[in-house]
Amino acid sequence: MTRTEITAINRAIALLHSLTGEPHESVPLPRSCSVTRFVREYLAPDPAADVSCGELWTFYREISDAGELPPMRKTIFLRRLPVVMQEIYAARKSHGIQREGRRVRGFKGVGIRMDT
């Protein structure tokens, strides 16, 4: 279920509860939202930049260890990352990012924000 669908459900439930006078609690967002939050808050579009999936995972883990985002398994993070990057920055996973003389997977046109 997407964040938009959950938001719509929460609004509908809140409306129903307001009509009946009952208290309302929101449905929790799925864990994938932490990937969305990570991409929105810690990355930025930069036509001259590129970032590898490994660098993004290391950065996410550092932020998670600091308590800013919930922990997540690497496989789940790397599975959800391409979808979120496509939705937010229209960045598709590339297999041509150069690191230490070899090609690795990553994203072109996106970089890590330095102001966070």
PDB file of N, CA and C in Angstrom:
ATOM      1  N   MET A   1       0.853  -1.172   0.000  1.00  0.00           N
ATOM      2  CA  MET A   1       0.000   0.000   0.000  1.00  0.00           C
ATOM      3  C   MET A   1       0.899   1.235   0.000  1.00  0.00           C
ATOM      4  N   THR A   2       0.561   2.204  -0.822  1.00  0.00           N
ATOM      5  CA  THR A   2       1.381   3.410  -0.922  1.00  0.00           C
ATOM      6  C   THR A   2       1.027   4.404   0.177  1.00  0.00           C
ATOM      7  N   ARG A   3       1.911   5.365   0.352  1.00  0.00           N
ATOM      8  CA  ARG A   3       1.693   6.412   1.352  1.00  0.00           C
ATOM      9  C   ARG A   3       0.423   7.208   1.034  1.00  0.00           C
ATOM     10  N   THR A   4       0.183   7.472  -0.245  1.00  0.00           N
ATOM     11  CA  THR A   4      -0.998   8.217  -0.672  1.00  0.00           C
ATOM     12  C   THR A   4      -2.278   7.462  -0.319  1.00  0.00           C
ATOM     13  N   GLU A   5      -2.268   6.148  -0.553  1.00  0.00           N
ATOM     14  CA  GLU A   5      -3.437   5.338  -0.215  1.00  0.00           C
ATOM     15  C   GLU A   5      -3.692   5.329   1.292  1.00  0.00           C
ATOM     16  N   ILE A   6      -2.623   5.215   2.074  1.00  0.00           N
ATOM     17  CA  ILE A   6      -2.775   5.217   3.530  1.00  0.00           C
ATOM     18  C   ILE A   6      -3.296   6.566   4.008  1.00  0.00           C
ATOM     19  N   THR A   7      -2.791   7.652   3.430  1.00  0.00           N
ATOM     20  CA  THR A   7      -3.263   8.988   3.794  1.00  0.00           C
ATOM     21  C   THR A   7      -4.753   9.120   3.484  1.00  0.00           C
ATOM     22  N   ALA A   8      -5.181   8.640   2.327  1.00  0.00           N
ATOM     23  CA  ALA A   8      -6.602   8.713   1.951  1.00  0.00           C
ATOM     24  C   ALA A   8      -7.462   7.881   2.910  1.00  0.00           C
ATOM     25  N   ILE A   9      -6.969   6.712   3.277  1.00  0.00           N
ATOM     26  CA  ILE A   9      -7.704   5.866   4.225  1.00  0.00           C
ATOM     27  C   ILE A   9      -7.809   6.553   5.577  1.00  0.00           C
ATOM     28  N   ASN A  10      -6.700   7.131   6.043  1.00  0.00           N
ATOM     29  CA  ASN A  10      -6.716   7.838   7.333  1.00  0.00           C
ATOM     30  C   ASN A  10      -7.702   9.003   7.323  1.00  0.00           C
ATOM     31  N   ARG A  11      -7.760   9.733   6.220  1.00  0.00           N
ATOM     32  CA  ARG A  11      -8.703  10.857   6.121  1.00  0.00           C
ATOM     33  C   ARG A  11     -10.150  10.361   6.155  1.00  0.00           C
ATOM     34  N   ALA A  12     -10.407   9.280   5.439  1.00  0.00           N
ATOM     35  CA  ALA A  12     -11.767   8.723   5.421  1.00  0.00           C
ATOM     36  C   ALA A  12     -12.160   8.219   6.805  1.00  0.00           C
ATOM     37  N   ILE A  13     -11.261   7.547   7.485  1.00  0.00           N
ATOM     38  CA  ILE A  13     -11.543   7.047   8.835  1.00  0.00           C
ATOM     39  C   ILE A  13     -11.768   8.206   9.792  1.00  0.00           C
ATOM     40  N   ALA A  14     -10.924   9.243   9.684  1.00  0.00           N
ATOM     41  CA  ALA A  14     -11.076  10.412  10.552  1.00  0.00           C
ATOM     42  C   ALA A  14     -12.431  11.081  10.321  1.00  0.00           C
ATOM     43  N   LEU A  15     -12.857  11.167   9.073  1.00  0.00           N
ATOM     44  CA  LEU A  15     -14.156  11.759   8.760  1.00  0.00           C
ATOM     45  C   LEU A  15     -15.291  10.936   9.374  1.00  0.00           C
ATOM     46  N   LEU A  16     -15.214   9.625   9.221  1.00  0.00           N
ATOM     47  CA  LEU A  16     -16.237   8.759   9.803  1.00  0.00           C
ATOM     48  C   LEU A  16     -16.280   8.886  11.328  1.00  0.00           C
ATOM     49  N   HIS A  17     -15.103   8.936  11.941  1.00  0.00           N
ATOM     50  CA  HIS A  17     -15.060   9.066  13.399  1.00  0.00           C
ATOM     51  C   HIS A  17     -15.568  10.427  13.854  1.00  0.00           C
ATOM     52  N   SER A  18     -15.297  11.466  13.073  1.00  0.00           N
ATOM     53  CA  SER A  18     -15.779  12.792  13.460  1.00  0.00           C
ATOM     54  C   SER A  18     -17.309  12.849  13.375  1.00  0.00           C
ATOM     55  N   LEU A  19     -17.886  12.126  12.437  1.00  0.00           N
ATOM     56  CA  LEU A  19     -19.342  12.101  12.306  1.00  0.00           C
ATOM     57  C   LEU A  19     -20.004  11.320  13.445  1.00  0.00           C
ATOM     58  N   THR A  20     -19.286  10.305  13.942  1.00  0.00           N
ATOM     59  CA  THR A  20     -19.854   9.489  15.027  1.00  0.00           C
ATOM     60  C   THR A  20     -19.402   9.962  16.402  1.00  0.00           C
ATOM     61  N   GLY A  21     -18.410  10.846  16.463  1.00  0.00           N
ATOM     62  CA  GLY A  21     -17.911  11.354  17.738  1.00  0.00           C
ATOM     63  C   GLY A  21     -16.926  10.428  18.426  1.00  0.00           C
ATOM     64  N   GLU A  22     -16.447   9.396  17.739  1.00  0.00           N
ATOM     65  CA  GLU A  22     -15.490   8.455  18.323  1.00  0.00           C
ATOM     66  C   GLU A  22     -14.065   8.969  18.134  1.00  0.00           C
ATOM     67  N   PRO A  23     -13.142   8.612  19.039  1.00  0.00           N
ATOM     68  CA  PRO A  23     -11.736   8.997  18.847  1.00  0.00           C
ATOM     69  C   PRO A  23     -11.147   8.249  17.651  1.00  0.00           C
ATOM     70  N   HIS A  24     -10.120   8.825  17.064  1.00  0.00           N
ATOM     71  CA  HIS A  24      -9.521   8.251  15.865  1.00  0.00           C
ATOM     72  C   HIS A  24      -8.017   8.111  16.036  1.00  0.00           C
ATOM     73  N   GLU A  25      -7.457   6.951  15.639  1.00  0.00           N
ATOM     74  CA  GLU A  25      -6.011   6.744  15.600  1.00  0.00           C
ATOM     75  C   GLU A  25      -5.630   6.443  14.155  1.00  0.00           C
ATOM     76  N   SER A  26      -4.529   7.028  13.703  1.00  0.00           N
ATOM     77  CA  SER A  26      -4.077   6.832  12.329  1.00  0.00           C
ATOM     78  C   SER A  26      -3.516   5.433  12.125  1.00  0.00           C
ATOM     79  N   VAL A  27      -3.628   4.969  10.899  1.00  0.00           N
ATOM     80  CA  VAL A  27      -3.001   3.713  10.507  1.00  0.00           C
ATOM     81  C   VAL A  27      -1.514   3.992  10.339  1.00  0.00           C
ATOM     82  N   PRO A  28      -0.630   3.172  10.928  1.00  0.00           N
ATOM     83  CA  PRO A  28       0.800   3.441  10.787  1.00  0.00           C
ATOM     84  C   PRO A  28       1.253   3.281   9.344  1.00  0.00           C
ATOM     85  N   LEU A  29       2.203   4.101   8.944  1.00  0.00           N
ATOM     86  CA  LEU A  29       2.752   4.014   7.596  1.00  0.00           C
ATOM     87  C   LEU A  29       3.672   2.810   7.496  1.00  0.00           C
ATOM     88  N   PRO A  30       3.759   2.193   6.335  1.00  0.00           N
ATOM     89  CA  PRO A  30       4.635   1.039   6.188  1.00  0.00           C
ATOM     90  C   PRO A  30       6.109   1.443   6.297  1.00  0.00           C
ATOM     91  N   ARG A  31       6.973   0.439   6.563  1.00  0.00           N
ATOM     92  CA  ARG A  31       8.401   0.691   6.738  1.00  0.00           C
ATOM     93  C   ARG A  31       9.034   1.294   5.488  1.00  0.00           C
ATOM     94  N   SER A  32       8.444   1.060   4.323  1.00  0.00           N
ATOM     95  CA  SER A  32       9.020   1.601   3.096  1.00  0.00           C
ATOM     96  C   SER A  32       9.039   3.120   3.113  1.00  0.00           C
ATOM     97  N   CYS A  33       8.200   3.722   3.951  1.00  0.00           N
ATOM     98  CA  CYS A  33       8.183   5.169   4.036  1.00  0.00           C
ATOM     99  C   CYS A  33       9.493   5.717   4.563  1.00  0.00           C
ATOM    100  N   SER A  34      10.255   4.903   5.309  1.00  0.00           N
ATOM    101  CA  SER A  34      11.552   5.376   5.785  1.00  0.00           C
ATOM    102  C   SER A  34      12.507   5.551   4.605  1.00  0.00           C
ATOM    103  N   VAL A  35      12.376   4.735   3.572  1.00  0.00           N
ATOM    104  CA  VAL A  35      13.194   4.914   2.372  1.00  0.00           C
ATOM    105  C   VAL A  35      12.770   6.199   1.667  1.00  0.00           C
ATOM    106  N   THR A  36      11.478   6.429   1.572  1.00  0.00           N
ATOM    107  CA  THR A  36      10.975   7.659   0.964  1.00  0.00           C
ATOM    108  C   THR A  36      11.467   8.876   1.740  1.00  0.00           C
ATOM    109  N   ARG A  37      11.357   8.810   3.047  1.00  0.00           N
ATOM    110  CA  ARG A  37      11.822   9.926   3.880  1.00  0.00           C
ATOM    111  C   ARG A  37      13.320  10.151   3.705  1.00  0.00           C
ATOM    112  N   PHE A  38      14.090   9.078   3.667  1.00  0.00           N
ATOM    113  CA  PHE A  38      15.531   9.171   3.447  1.00  0.00           C
ATOM    114  C   PHE A  38      15.835   9.882   2.139  1.00  0.00           C
ATOM    115  N   VAL A  39      15.186   9.460   1.067  1.00  0.00           N
ATOM    116  CA  VAL A  39      15.442  10.040  -0.254  1.00  0.00           C
ATOM    117  C   VAL A  39      15.052  11.516  -0.282  1.00  0.00           C
ATOM    118  N   ARG A  40      13.922  11.860   0.306  1.00  0.00           N
ATOM    119  CA  ARG A  40      13.467  13.253   0.290  1.00  0.00           C
ATOM    120  C   ARG A  40      14.320  14.167   1.163  1.00  0.00           C
ATOM    121  N   GLU A  41      14.710  13.689   2.333  1.00  0.00           N
ATOM    122  CA  GLU A  41      15.397  14.547   3.295  1.00  0.00           C
ATOM    123  C   GLU A  41      16.912  14.585   3.135  1.00  0.00           C
ATOM    124  N   TYR A  42      17.511  13.531   2.633  1.00  0.00           N
ATOM    125  CA  TYR A  42      18.967  13.436   2.626  1.00  0.00           C
ATOM    126  C   TYR A  42      19.595  13.429   1.236  1.00  0.00           C
ATOM    127  N   LEU A  43      18.796  13.385   0.195  1.00  0.00           N
ATOM    128  CA  LEU A  43      19.311  13.406  -1.172  1.00  0.00           C
ATOM    129  C   LEU A  43      18.748  14.613  -1.904  1.00  0.00           C
ATOM    130  N   ALA A  44      19.409  14.990  -2.987  1.00  0.00           N
ATOM    131  CA  ALA A  44      18.953  16.136  -3.779  1.00  0.00           C
ATOM    132  C   ALA A  44      19.322  15.922  -5.239  1.00  0.00           C
ATOM    133  N   PRO A  45      18.523  16.482  -6.144  1.00  0.00           N
ATOM    134  CA  PRO A  45      18.882  16.375  -7.557  1.00  0.00           C
ATOM    135  C   PRO A  45      20.141  17.187  -7.837  1.00  0.00           C
ATOM    136  N   ASP A  46      21.042  16.607  -8.591  1.00  0.00           N
ATOM    137  CA  ASP A  46      22.286  17.275  -8.974  1.00  0.00           C
ATOM    138  C   ASP A  46      22.743  16.663 -10.288  1.00  0.00           C
ATOM    139  N   PRO A  47      22.548  17.376 -11.402  1.00  0.00           N
ATOM    140  CA  PRO A  47      22.856  16.811 -12.715  1.00  0.00           C
ATOM    141  C   PRO A  47      24.311  16.342 -12.866  1.00  0.00           C
ATOM    142  N   ALA A  48      25.223  16.926 -12.097  1.00  0.00           N
ATOM    143  CA  ALA A  48      26.637  16.564 -12.218  1.00  0.00           C
ATOM    144  C   ALA A  48      27.043  15.434 -11.280  1.00  0.00           C
ATOM    145  N   ALA A  49      26.140  14.984 -10.419  1.00  0.00           N
ATOM    146  CA  ALA A  49      26.496  13.995  -9.394  1.00  0.00           C
ATOM    147  C   ALA A  49      26.016  12.605  -9.765  1.00  0.00           C
ATOM    148  N   ASP A  50      26.603  11.647  -9.104  1.00  0.00           N
ATOM    149  CA  ASP A  50      26.092  10.285  -9.123  1.00  0.00           C
ATOM    150  C   ASP A  50      26.396   9.673  -7.758  1.00  0.00           C
ATOM    151  N   VAL A  51      25.639   8.658  -7.405  1.00  0.00           N
ATOM    152  CA  VAL A  51      25.812   8.012  -6.106  1.00  0.00           C
ATOM    153  C   VAL A  51      25.560   6.521  -6.283  1.00  0.00           C
ATOM    154  N   SER A  52      26.405   5.709  -5.666  1.00  0.00           N
ATOM    155  CA  SER A  52      26.245   4.267  -5.801  1.00  0.00           C
ATOM    156  C   SER A  52      25.246   3.743  -4.780  1.00  0.00           C
ATOM    157  N   CYS A  53      24.688   2.589  -5.061  1.00  0.00           N
ATOM    158  CA  CYS A  53      23.757   1.962  -4.116  1.00  0.00           C
ATOM    159  C   CYS A  53      24.475   1.634  -2.809  1.00  0.00           C
ATOM    160  N   GLY A  54      25.728   1.224  -2.899  1.00  0.00           N
ATOM    161  CA  GLY A  54      26.508   0.936  -1.702  1.00  0.00           C
ATOM    162  C   GLY A  54      26.707   2.166  -0.839  1.00  0.00           C
ATOM    163  N   GLU A  55      26.972   3.306  -1.465  1.00  0.00           N
ATOM    164  CA  GLU A  55      27.129   4.559  -0.721  1.00  0.00           C
ATOM    165  C   GLU A  55      25.819   4.955  -0.056  1.00  0.00           C
ATOM    166  N   LEU A  56      24.712   4.769  -0.768  1.00  0.00           N
ATOM    167  CA  LEU A  56      23.408   5.101  -0.195  1.00  0.00           C
ATOM    168  C   LEU A  56      23.090   4.202   0.990  1.00  0.00           C
ATOM    169  N   TRP A  57      23.391   2.905   0.878  1.00  0.00           N
ATOM    170  CA  TRP A  57      23.138   1.996   1.992  1.00  0.00           C
ATOM    171  C   TRP A  57      23.986   2.385   3.211  1.00  0.00           C
ATOM    172  N   THR A  58      25.256   2.679   2.998  1.00  0.00           N
ATOM    173  CA  THR A  58      26.129   3.077   4.106  1.00  0.00           C
ATOM    174  C   THR A  58      25.608   4.335   4.769  1.00  0.00           C
ATOM    175  N   PHE A  59      25.176   5.309   3.964  1.00  0.00           N
ATOM    176  CA  PHE A  59      24.651   6.561   4.490  1.00  0.00           C
ATOM    177  C   PHE A  59      23.350   6.313   5.271  1.00  0.00           C
ATOM    178  N   TYR A  60      22.460   5.482   4.712  1.00  0.00           N
ATOM    179  CA  TYR A  60      21.210   5.158   5.412  1.00  0.00           C
ATOM    180  C   TYR A  60      21.512   4.499   6.755  1.00  0.00           C
ATOM    181  N   ARG A  61      22.442   3.557   6.762  1.00  0.00           N
ATOM    182  CA  ARG A  61      22.783   2.850   7.997  1.00  0.00           C
ATOM    183  C   ARG A  61      23.346   3.805   9.053  1.00  0.00           C
ATOM    184  N   GLU A  62      24.167   4.773   8.640  1.00  0.00           N
ATOM    185  CA  GLU A  62      24.700   5.776   9.569  1.00  0.00           C
ATOM    186  C   GLU A  62      23.571   6.607  10.175  1.00  0.00           C
ATOM    187  N   ILE A  63      22.630   7.002   9.342  1.00  0.00           N
ATOM    188  CA  ILE A  63      21.493   7.798   9.825  1.00  0.00           C
ATOM    189  C   ILE A  63      20.623   6.948  10.748  1.00  0.00           C
ATOM    190  N   SER A  64      20.432   5.701  10.398  1.00  0.00           N
ATOM    191  CA  SER A  64      19.652   4.790  11.229  1.00  0.00           C
ATOM    192  C   SER A  64      20.343   4.547  12.574  1.00  0.00           C
ATOM    193  N   ASP A  65      21.647   4.354  12.555  1.00  0.00           N
ATOM    194  CA  ASP A  65      22.407   4.150  13.797  1.00  0.00           C
ATOM    195  C   ASP A  65      22.330   5.370  14.703  1.00  0.00           C
ATOM    196  N   ALA A  66      22.177   6.553  14.108  1.00  0.00           N
ATOM    197  CA  ALA A  66      22.062   7.784  14.888  1.00  0.00           C
ATOM    198  C   ALA A  66      20.641   7.978  15.426  1.00  0.00           C
ATOM    199  N   GLY A  67      19.720   7.100  15.044  1.00  0.00           N
ATOM    200  CA  GLY A  67      18.351   7.178  15.538  1.00  0.00           C
ATOM    201  C   GLY A  67      17.429   8.072  14.743  1.00  0.00           C
ATOM    202  N   GLU A  68      17.881   8.559  13.589  1.00  0.00           N
ATOM    203  CA  GLU A  68      17.074   9.449  12.756  1.00  0.00           C
ATOM    204  C   GLU A  68      16.009   8.696  11.948  1.00  0.00           C
ATOM    205  N   LEU A  69      16.318   7.467  11.556  1.00  0.00           N
ATOM    206  CA  LEU A  69      15.410   6.638  10.770  1.00  0.00           C
ATOM    207  C   LEU A  69      15.396   5.233  11.356  1.00  0.00           C
ATOM    208  N   PRO A  70      14.302   4.488  11.154  1.00  0.00           N
ATOM    209  CA  PRO A  70      14.256   3.128  11.695  1.00  0.00           C
ATOM    210  C   PRO A  70      15.236   2.212  10.961  1.00  0.00           C
ATOM    211  N   PRO A  71      15.790   1.222  11.657  1.00  0.00           N
ATOM    212  CA  PRO A  71      16.694   0.285  10.979  1.00  0.00           C
ATOM    213  C   PRO A  71      15.936  -0.560   9.958  1.00  0.00           C
ATOM    214  N   MET A  72      16.677  -1.029   8.967  1.00  0.00           N
ATOM    215  CA  MET A  72      16.080  -1.824   7.904  1.00  0.00           C
ATOM    216  C   MET A  72      17.158  -2.759   7.371  1.00  0.00           C
ATOM    217  N   ARG A  73      16.756  -3.925   6.928  1.00  0.00           N
ATOM    218  CA  ARG A  73      17.722  -4.845   6.329  1.00  0.00           C
ATOM    219  C   ARG A  73      18.179  -4.301   4.980  1.00  0.00           C
ATOM    220  N   LYS A  74      19.415  -4.563   4.658  1.00  0.00           N
ATOM    221  CA  LYS A  74      20.017  -4.065   3.425  1.00  0.00           C
ATOM    222  C   LYS A  74      19.240  -4.522   2.194  1.00  0.00           C
ATOM    223  N   THR A  75      18.827  -5.772   2.158  1.00  0.00           N
ATOM    224  CA  THR A  75      18.113  -6.285   0.979  1.00  0.00           C
ATOM    225  C   THR A  75      16.792  -5.552   0.760  1.00  0.00           C
ATOM    226  N   ILE A  76      16.093  -5.257   1.853  1.00  0.00           N
ATOM    227  CA  ILE A  76      14.816  -4.537   1.729  1.00  0.00           C
ATOM    228  C   ILE A  76      15.073  -3.119   1.242  1.00  0.00           C
ATOM    229  N   PHE A  77      16.069  -2.452   1.822  1.00  0.00           N
ATOM    230  CA  PHE A  77      16.416  -1.093   1.412  1.00  0.00           C
ATOM    231  C   PHE A  77      16.747  -1.051  -0.075  1.00  0.00           C
ATOM    232  N   LEU A  78      17.621  -1.943  -0.514  1.00  0.00           N
ATOM    233  CA  LEU A  78      18.053  -1.934  -1.914  1.00  0.00           C
ATOM    234  C   LEU A  78      16.939  -2.345  -2.871  1.00  0.00           C
ATOM    235  N   ARG A  79      15.977  -3.109  -2.409  1.00  0.00           N
ATOM    236  CA  ARG A  79      14.835  -3.491  -3.244  1.00  0.00           C
ATOM    237  C   ARG A  79      13.872  -2.318  -3.420  1.00  0.00           C
ATOM    238  N   ARG A  80      13.682  -1.526  -2.360  1.00  0.00           N
ATOM    239  CA  ARG A  80      12.725  -0.417  -2.409  1.00  0.00           C
ATOM    240  C   ARG A  80      13.317   0.857  -2.996  1.00  0.00           C
ATOM    241  N   LEU A  81      14.620   1.015  -2.895  1.00  0.00           N
ATOM    242  CA  LEU A  81      15.277   2.246  -3.323  1.00  0.00           C
ATOM    243  C   LEU A  81      15.000   2.629  -4.780  1.00  0.00           C
ATOM    244  N   PRO A  82      15.122   1.736  -5.763  1.00  0.00           N
ATOM    245  CA  PRO A  82      14.883   2.136  -7.154  1.00  0.00           C
ATOM    246  C   PRO A  82      13.486   2.703  -7.404  1.00  0.00           C
ATOM    247  N   VAL A  83      12.482   2.132  -6.762  1.00  0.00           N
ATOM    248  CA  VAL A  83      11.109   2.603  -6.947  1.00  0.00           C
ATOM    249  C   VAL A  83      10.962   4.022  -6.405  1.00  0.00           C
ATOM    250  N   VAL A  84      11.500   4.251  -5.226  1.00  0.00           N
ATOM    251  CA  VAL A  84      11.403   5.571  -4.599  1.00  0.00           C
ATOM    252  C   VAL A  84      12.200   6.604  -5.397  1.00  0.00           C
ATOM    253  N   MET A  85      13.397   6.245  -5.840  1.00  0.00           N
ATOM    254  CA  MET A  85      14.218   7.179  -6.631  1.00  0.00           C
ATOM    255  C   MET A  85      13.518   7.545  -7.939  1.00  0.00           C
ATOM    256  N   GLN A  86      12.852   6.574  -8.548  1.00  0.00           N
ATOM    257  CA  GLN A  86      12.117   6.832  -9.786  1.00  0.00           C
ATOM    258  C   GLN A  86      10.955   7.774  -9.526  1.00  0.00           C
ATOM    259  N   GLU A  87      10.211   7.538  -8.432  1.00  0.00           N
ATOM    260  CA  GLU A  87       9.052   8.369  -8.110  1.00  0.00           C
ATOM    261  C   GLU A  87       9.438   9.803  -7.773  1.00  0.00           C
ATOM    262  N   ILE A  88      10.491   9.990  -6.994  1.00  0.00           N
ATOM    263  CA  ILE A  88      10.832  11.320  -6.489  1.00  0.00           C
ATOM    264  C   ILE A  88      11.718  12.107  -7.449  1.00  0.00           C
ATOM    265  N   TYR A  89      12.754  11.479  -7.988  1.00  0.00           N
ATOM    266  CA  TYR A  89      13.713  12.205  -8.833  1.00  0.00           C
ATOM    267  C   TYR A  89      13.721  11.752 -10.291  1.00  0.00           C
ATOM    268  N   ALA A  90      12.854  10.826 -10.647  1.00  0.00           N
ATOM    269  CA  ALA A  90      12.838  10.253 -11.996  1.00  0.00           C
ATOM    270  C   ALA A  90      14.214   9.708 -12.359  1.00  0.00           C
ATOM    271  N   ALA A  91      14.915   9.189 -11.346  1.00  0.00           N
ATOM    272  CA  ALA A  91      16.256   8.626 -11.542  1.00  0.00           C
ATOM    273  C   ALA A  91      16.139   7.105 -11.619  1.00  0.00           C
ATOM    274  N   ARG A  92      16.639   6.552 -12.696  1.00  0.00           N
ATOM    275  CA  ARG A  92      16.613   5.104 -12.866  1.00  0.00           C
ATOM    276  C   ARG A  92      17.961   4.529 -12.460  1.00  0.00           C
ATOM    277  N   LYS A  93      17.916   3.305 -11.973  1.00  0.00           N
ATOM    278  CA  LYS A  93      19.161   2.668 -11.561  1.00  0.00           C
ATOM    279  C   LYS A  93      20.058   2.473 -12.772  1.00  0.00           C
ATOM    280  N   SER A  94      21.319   2.844 -12.599  1.00  0.00           N
ATOM    281  CA  SER A  94      22.309   2.729 -13.660  1.00  0.00           C
ATOM    282  C   SER A  94      23.358   1.700 -13.251  1.00  0.00           C
ATOM    283  N   HIS A  95      23.845   0.970 -14.208  1.00  0.00           N
ATOM    284  CA  HIS A  95      24.901  -0.002 -13.950  1.00  0.00           C
ATOM    285  C   HIS A  95      26.249   0.540 -14.423  1.00  0.00           C
ATOM    286  N   GLY A  96      26.317   1.858 -14.630  1.00  0.00           N
ATOM    287  CA  GLY A  96      27.525   2.466 -15.165  1.00  0.00           C
ATOM    288  C   GLY A  96      28.159   3.517 -14.274  1.00  0.00           C
ATOM    289  N   ILE A  97      27.920   3.477 -12.980  1.00  0.00           N
ATOM    290  CA  ILE A  97      28.564   4.411 -12.064  1.00  0.00           C
ATOM    291  C   ILE A  97      29.999   3.924 -11.852  1.00  0.00           C
ATOM    292  N   GLN A  98      30.964   4.803 -12.016  1.00  0.00           N
ATOM    293  CA  GLN A  98      32.378   4.422 -11.872  1.00  0.00           C
ATOM    294  C   GLN A  98      32.873   4.684 -10.448  1.00  0.00           C
ATOM    295  N   ARG A  99      33.416   3.647  -9.818  1.00  0.00           N
ATOM    296  CA  ARG A  99      34.034   3.761  -8.508  1.00  0.00           C
ATOM    297  C   ARG A  99      35.283   2.892  -8.501  1.00  0.00           C
ATOM    298  N   GLU A 100      36.396   3.495  -8.162  1.00  0.00           N
ATOM    299  CA  GLU A 100      37.675   2.792  -8.051  1.00  0.00           C
ATOM    300  C   GLU A 100      37.982   1.958  -9.295  1.00  0.00           C
ATOM    301  N   GLY A 101      37.738   2.538 -10.455  1.00  0.00           N
ATOM    302  CA  GLY A 101      38.067   1.893 -11.712  1.00  0.00           C
ATOM    303  C   GLY A 101      37.128   0.780 -12.158  1.00  0.00           C
ATOM    304  N   ARG A 102      36.009   0.629 -11.491  1.00  0.00           N
ATOM    305  CA  ARG A 102      35.052  -0.391 -11.930  1.00  0.00           C
ATOM    306  C   ARG A 102      33.638   0.167 -11.911  1.00  0.00           C
ATOM    307  N   ARG A 103      32.767  -0.517 -12.648  1.00  0.00           N
ATOM    308  CA  ARG A 103      31.374  -0.081 -12.723  1.00  0.00           C
ATOM    309  C   ARG A 103      30.575  -0.701 -11.587  1.00  0.00           C
ATOM    310  N   VAL A 104      29.739   0.133 -10.964  1.00  0.00           N
ATOM    311  CA  VAL A 104      28.858  -0.332  -9.894  1.00  0.00           C
ATOM    312  C   VAL A 104      27.454   0.198 -10.161  1.00  0.00           C
ATOM    313  N   ARG A 105      26.477  -0.337  -9.451  1.00  0.00           N
ATOM    314  CA  ARG A 105      25.097   0.124  -9.586  1.00  0.00           C
ATOM    315  C   ARG A 105      24.893   1.383  -8.770  1.00  0.00           C
ATOM    316  N   GLY A 106      24.040   2.267  -9.300  1.00  0.00           N
ATOM    317  CA  GLY A 106      23.749   3.502  -8.588  1.00  0.00           C
ATOM    318  C   GLY A 106      22.791   4.366  -9.377  1.00  0.00           C
ATOM    319  N   PHE A 107      22.820   5.663  -9.069  1.00  0.00           N
ATOM    320  CA  PHE A 107      21.900   6.606  -9.692  1.00  0.00           C
ATOM    321  C   PHE A 107      22.659   7.840 -10.146  1.00  0.00           C
ATOM    322  N   LYS A 108      22.408   8.255 -11.382  1.00  0.00           N
ATOM    323  CA  LYS A 108      23.002   9.479 -11.913  1.00  0.00           C
ATOM    324  C   LYS A 108      22.027  10.629 -11.737  1.00  0.00           C
ATOM    325  N   GLY A 109      22.576  11.816 -11.534  1.00  0.00           N
ATOM    326  CA  GLY A 109      21.734  13.007 -11.414  1.00  0.00           C
ATOM    327  C   GLY A 109      21.207  13.248 -10.017  1.00  0.00           C
ATOM    328  N   VAL A 110      21.696  12.493  -9.033  1.00  0.00           N
ATOM    329  CA  VAL A 110      21.266  12.634  -7.644  1.00  0.00           C
ATOM    330  C   VAL A 110      22.509  12.590  -6.767  1.00  0.00           C
ATOM    331  N   GLY A 111      22.536  13.441  -5.748  1.00  0.00           N
ATOM    332  CA  GLY A 111      23.652  13.455  -4.820  1.00  0.00           C
ATOM    333  C   GLY A 111      23.174  13.567  -3.381  1.00  0.00           C
ATOM    334  N   ILE A 112      24.093  13.372  -2.473  1.00  0.00           N
ATOM    335  CA  ILE A 112      23.800  13.493  -1.047  1.00  0.00           C
ATOM    336  C   ILE A 112      23.796  14.962  -0.675  1.00  0.00           C
ATOM    337  N   ARG A 113      22.753  15.383   0.051  1.00  0.00           N
ATOM    338  CA  ARG A 113      22.641  16.779   0.478  1.00  0.00           C
ATOM    339  C   ARG A 113      23.690  17.061   1.539  1.00  0.00           C
ATOM    340  N   MET A 114      24.338  18.184   1.427  1.00  0.00           N
ATOM    341  CA  MET A 114      25.354  18.558   2.397  1.00  0.00           C
ATOM    342  C   MET A 114      24.804  19.443   3.507  1.00  0.00           C
ATOM    343  N   ASP A 115      23.551  19.894   3.378  1.00  0.00           N
ATOM    344  CA  ASP A 115      22.980  20.815   4.366  1.00  0.00           C
ATOM    345  C   ASP A 115      22.147  20.112   5.438  1.00  0.00           C
ATOM    346  N   THR A 116      22.191  18.769   5.505  1.00  0.00           N
ATOM    347  CA  THR A 116      21.401  18.057   6.510  1.00  0.00           C
ATOM    348  C   THR A 116      22.218  17.724   7.728  1.00  0.00           C
TER     349      THR A 116
END
